[in-house]
């Protein structure tokens, strides 16, 4: 697959670069450039990212960072079985626990929420940093909802991190998940309160909390383009209203 000339491979994280040092120099550069493309495209063009990840995997399947990138690309394309296999491979190579929540979410994607819940109760979770533990809580709550256990999902999300007034990278998503679970349980007033709290924390628009809040408040948004089209239909060719 073609790679833009401005992509040199030096853009990758220094830890990944260090992993690639086990490869011949030219090969390491090729792998690095493909990994850069995976990172660039995974949000806007998941299919493209997946294509570059397969190239990197073909070139260096024994590098943990490559297996991890392939896992993320497969996950972004909802190829959960493939993603799970790649995450497991990366974990075997590194011995780390950071991919545990993603592996559990893959189990959800494969229709096995019970397995995801089992993983949420293992000692591996204690090895995660705070962000990883919050992510695991979100996955566990999602698994409860998959099993139509709404009240259990709500309880799962109730935590010191949810109650905290400080804003962390995970705060908006945690508050949003809690609000959404409350809404699904028919607790609209509480849901509105937590969607509002999610909006306060969501500075980069990572959720649609503002839209959900507006919907609960009965606010309707009108597309400016639709308005222009309606006005044009009501005017004659000479610009006068019909």
Protein backbone atom coordinates (compact mmCIF):
# COMPACT_ATOMS: atom_id res chain seq x y z
CA UNK A 1 0.00 0.00 0.00
CA UNK A 2 1.28 3.49 -0.86
CA UNK A 3 2.65 5.62 1.98
CA UNK A 4 2.98 9.43 1.70
CA UNK A 5 6.55 10.64 1.36
CA UNK A 6 6.26 12.80 4.47
CA UNK A 7 5.84 9.66 6.61
CA UNK A 8 9.34 8.68 7.69
CA UNK A 9 8.62 6.27 10.53
CA UNK A 10 10.32 8.55 13.04
CA UNK A 11 6.86 9.63 14.19
CA UNK A 12 6.29 6.46 16.19
CA UNK A 13 6.61 6.21 19.95
CA UNK A 14 10.16 5.73 21.24
CA UNK A 15 9.21 2.46 22.96
CA UNK A 16 7.92 1.05 19.66
CA UNK A 17 11.05 2.28 17.90
CA UNK A 18 13.10 0.41 20.45
CA UNK A 19 11.16 -2.79 19.78
CA UNK A 20 11.85 -2.45 16.09
CA UNK A 21 15.60 -2.30 16.68
CA UNK A 22 15.60 -6.10 16.63
CA UNK A 23 14.88 -5.90 12.89
CA UNK A 24 17.24 -5.04 10.04
CA UNK A 25 17.35 -1.27 9.55
CA UNK A 26 15.49 -1.12 6.23
CA UNK A 27 12.83 -3.54 7.42
CA UNK A 28 12.40 -1.61 10.67
CA UNK A 29 11.83 1.59 8.68
CA UNK A 30 9.20 -0.06 6.49
CA UNK A 31 7.37 -1.47 9.50
CA UNK A 32 7.54 1.87 11.32
CA UNK A 33 6.04 3.74 8.37
CA UNK A 34 3.15 1.28 8.15
CA UNK A 35 2.53 1.60 11.89
CA UNK A 36 2.43 5.39 11.52
CA UNK A 37 -0.25 5.00 8.86
CA UNK A 38 -2.28 2.74 11.15
CA UNK A 39 -2.20 5.41 13.85
CA UNK A 40 -3.07 8.17 11.38
CA UNK A 41 -6.05 6.44 9.84
CA UNK A 42 -7.60 4.32 12.58
CA UNK A 43 -10.21 6.92 13.59
CA UNK A 44 -11.12 8.41 10.21
CA UNK A 45 -10.46 5.45 7.91
CA UNK A 46 -10.49 2.17 9.87
CA UNK A 47 -10.41 0.05 6.71
CA UNK A 48 -7.31 1.84 5.49
CA UNK A 49 -5.66 1.43 8.88
CA UNK A 50 -6.49 -2.26 8.78
CA UNK A 51 -4.78 -2.59 5.41
CA UNK A 52 -1.55 -1.02 6.66
CA UNK A 53 -1.67 -3.16 9.80
CA UNK A 54 -1.77 -6.29 7.67
CA UNK A 55 1.33 -5.13 5.79
CA UNK A 56 3.18 -4.50 9.06
CA UNK A 57 2.04 -7.88 10.35
CA UNK A 58 3.36 -9.61 7.25
CA UNK A 59 6.72 -7.89 7.69
CA UNK A 60 7.20 -8.35 11.45
CA UNK A 61 4.71 -10.65 13.13
CA UNK A 62 7.09 -11.36 16.00
CA UNK A 63 7.11 -7.76 17.24
CA UNK A 64 4.61 -7.12 20.04
CA UNK A 65 3.86 -3.56 18.93
CA UNK A 66 2.93 -4.84 15.48
CA UNK A 67 0.56 -7.45 16.90
CA UNK A 68 -0.99 -4.81 19.14
CA UNK A 69 -1.48 -2.39 16.22
CA UNK A 70 -3.05 -5.19 14.19
CA UNK A 71 -5.37 -5.86 17.11
CA UNK A 72 -6.45 -2.23 17.35
CA UNK A 73 -7.06 -2.03 13.59
CA UNK A 74 -9.13 -5.23 13.61
CA UNK A 75 -11.06 -3.98 16.66
CA UNK A 76 -11.82 -0.68 14.89
CA UNK A 77 -13.32 -2.69 12.03
CA UNK A 78 -15.37 -4.88 14.43
CA UNK A 79 -13.32 -7.94 13.52
CA UNK A 80 -13.45 -9.06 17.12
CA UNK A 81 -12.17 -12.61 16.74
CA UNK A 82 -9.12 -11.39 14.86
CA UNK A 83 -8.57 -8.53 17.29
CA UNK A 84 -8.75 -10.88 20.26
CA UNK A 85 -6.17 -13.20 18.70
CA UNK A 86 -3.77 -10.30 18.06
CA UNK A 87 -4.22 -8.85 21.55
CA UNK A 88 -3.56 -12.26 23.07
CA UNK A 89 -0.42 -12.63 20.99
CA UNK A 90 0.84 -9.19 22.05
CA UNK A 91 0.10 -9.97 25.68
CA UNK A 92 2.02 -13.23 25.50
CA UNK A 93 5.02 -11.35 24.15
CA UNK A 94 5.00 -8.55 26.72
CA UNK A 95 3.38 -10.12 29.76
CA UNK A 96 1.53 -6.84 30.36
CA UNK A 97 -2.10 -6.49 31.41
CA UNK A 98 -2.99 -3.22 29.66
CA UNK A 99 -4.88 -4.98 26.84
CA UNK A 100 -7.13 -6.90 29.24
CA UNK A 101 -10.15 -4.53 28.97
CA UNK A 102 -9.97 -4.59 25.17
CA UNK A 103 -9.78 -8.37 25.17
CA UNK A 104 -12.86 -8.47 27.40
CA UNK A 105 -14.69 -6.08 25.08
CA UNK A 106 -13.83 -8.35 22.15
CA UNK A 107 -15.59 -11.14 24.06
CA UNK A 108 -18.63 -8.87 24.23
CA UNK A 109 -18.38 -8.24 20.50
CA UNK A 110 -18.34 -11.99 19.94
CA UNK A 111 -21.58 -12.36 21.91
CA UNK A 112 -19.95 -13.69 25.07
CA UNK A 113 -20.75 -11.11 27.78
CA UNK A 114 -20.45 -13.75 30.50
CA UNK A 115 -16.81 -14.26 29.51
CA UNK A 116 -16.22 -10.50 29.68
CA UNK A 117 -17.65 -10.45 33.22
CA UNK A 118 -15.43 -13.34 34.22
CA UNK A 119 -12.42 -11.37 33.00
CA UNK A 120 -13.55 -8.34 35.01
CA UNK A 121 -13.20 -10.40 38.18
CA UNK A 122 -9.70 -11.75 37.62
CA UNK A 123 -6.46 -10.66 39.34
CA UNK A 124 -5.32 -9.16 36.03
CA UNK A 125 -7.57 -6.17 36.69
CA UNK A 126 -5.55 -5.25 39.77
CA UNK A 127 -2.48 -4.94 37.55
CA UNK A 128 -4.12 -2.19 35.48
CA UNK A 129 -3.52 1.48 36.04
CA UNK A 130 -6.46 3.70 37.00
CA UNK A 131 -7.44 4.36 33.39
CA UNK A 132 -7.39 0.63 32.65
CA UNK A 133 -9.53 -0.15 35.69
CA UNK A 134 -12.10 2.43 34.64
CA UNK A 135 -12.10 0.95 31.14
CA UNK A 136 -12.66 -2.50 32.63
CA UNK A 137 -15.59 -1.13 34.64
CA UNK A 138 -17.11 0.29 31.45
CA UNK A 139 -16.73 -3.05 29.69
CA UNK A 140 -18.27 -4.92 32.64
CA UNK A 141 -21.23 -2.53 32.71
CA UNK A 142 -21.67 -3.01 28.97
CA UNK A 143 -21.67 -6.77 29.47
CA UNK A 144 -24.39 -6.41 32.11
CA UNK A 145 -26.47 -4.42 29.63
CA UNK A 146 -25.87 -7.06 26.97
CA UNK A 147 -27.49 -9.49 29.42
CA UNK A 148 -30.42 -7.09 30.10
CA UNK A 149 -29.21 -6.53 33.67
CA UNK A 150 -29.73 -2.76 33.72
CA UNK A 151 -29.75 -2.31 37.48
CA UNK A 152 -26.51 -4.30 37.76
CA UNK A 153 -24.97 -2.15 35.02
CA UNK A 154 -25.85 1.00 36.95
CA UNK A 155 -24.35 -0.38 40.16
CA UNK A 156 -21.21 -1.47 38.30
CA UNK A 157 -20.58 2.10 37.16
CA UNK A 158 -21.04 3.58 40.63
CA UNK A 159 -17.50 4.14 41.83
CA UNK A 160 -15.17 6.70 43.41
CA UNK A 161 -14.12 7.73 39.89
CA UNK A 162 -17.74 8.49 38.98
CA UNK A 163 -18.34 10.44 42.19
CA UNK A 164 -15.13 12.45 41.88
CA UNK A 165 -15.44 16.10 40.86
CA UNK A 166 -12.02 16.10 39.21
CA UNK A 167 -11.93 15.65 35.45
CA UNK A 168 -9.71 12.91 34.09
CA UNK A 169 -9.38 11.57 30.51
CA UNK A 170 -11.98 8.92 31.25
CA UNK A 171 -14.47 11.12 33.14
CA UNK A 172 -16.73 12.08 30.22
CA UNK A 173 -17.11 8.51 29.00
CA UNK A 174 -17.78 7.18 32.50
CA UNK A 175 -20.42 9.81 33.21
CA UNK A 176 -21.96 9.26 29.79
CA UNK A 177 -22.18 5.49 30.28
CA UNK A 178 -23.83 6.03 33.66
CA UNK A 179 -26.33 8.52 32.21
CA UNK A 180 -27.12 6.19 29.33
CA UNK A 181 -27.72 3.27 31.69
CA UNK A 182 -30.02 5.41 33.83
CA UNK A 183 -31.92 6.49 30.73
CA UNK A 184 -32.31 2.87 29.58
CA UNK A 185 -33.71 2.06 33.02
CA UNK A 186 -36.33 4.80 32.66
CA UNK A 187 -34.71 7.14 35.20
CA UNK A 188 -34.87 10.21 32.97
CA UNK A 189 -34.32 12.93 35.57
CA UNK A 190 -31.17 11.26 36.88
CA UNK A 191 -30.06 10.56 33.33
CA UNK A 192 -30.41 14.24 32.46
CA UNK A 193 -28.32 15.21 35.46
CA UNK A 194 -25.51 12.87 34.45
CA UNK A 195 -25.62 13.77 30.77
CA UNK A 196 -25.13 17.39 31.90
CA UNK A 197 -22.16 16.31 34.02
CA UNK A 198 -20.76 14.42 31.04
CA UNK A 199 -21.03 17.57 28.91
CA UNK A 200 -19.04 19.50 31.54
CA UNK A 201 -16.20 16.98 31.30
CA UNK A 202 -16.32 16.41 27.54
CA UNK A 203 -14.12 19.23 26.29
CA UNK A 204 -13.11 17.51 23.05
CA UNK A 205 -16.53 16.16 22.03
CA UNK A 206 -15.65 12.51 22.48
CA UNK A 207 -19.30 11.69 23.28
CA UNK A 208 -22.65 12.94 22.02
CA UNK A 209 -23.68 13.93 25.56
CA UNK A 210 -24.67 17.44 24.46
CA UNK A 211 -27.05 16.02 21.84
CA UNK A 212 -28.56 13.61 24.36
CA UNK A 213 -29.03 16.42 26.86
CA UNK A 214 -30.69 18.62 24.26
CA UNK A 215 -32.97 15.75 23.29
CA UNK A 216 -34.07 15.29 26.89
CA UNK A 217 -34.72 19.03 27.13
CA UNK A 218 -36.83 18.93 23.98
CA UNK A 219 -34.46 21.07 21.92
CA UNK A 220 -34.58 20.50 18.17
CA UNK A 221 -31.71 21.46 15.89
CA UNK A 222 -32.44 22.63 12.34
CA UNK A 223 -29.83 22.12 9.66
CA UNK A 224 -28.97 25.47 8.06
CA UNK A 225 -28.70 23.80 4.64
CA UNK A 226 -32.25 22.46 4.99
CA UNK A 227 -33.47 25.96 5.85
CA UNK A 228 -31.81 27.39 2.75
CA UNK A 229 -33.42 24.71 0.58
CA UNK A 230 -36.86 25.43 2.04
CA UNK A 231 -36.45 29.16 1.38
CA UNK A 232 -35.38 28.49 -2.20
CA UNK A 233 -38.45 26.33 -2.82
CA UNK A 234 -40.70 29.16 -1.64
CA UNK A 235 -39.22 31.68 -4.06
CA UNK A 236 -39.87 32.10 -7.76
CA UNK A 237 -37.25 32.40 -10.47
CA UNK A 238 -37.23 36.18 -10.08
CA UNK A 239 -36.44 35.92 -6.37
CA UNK A 240 -39.98 36.87 -5.26
CA UNK A 241 -41.98 34.62 -2.96
CA UNK A 242 -44.55 32.48 -4.71
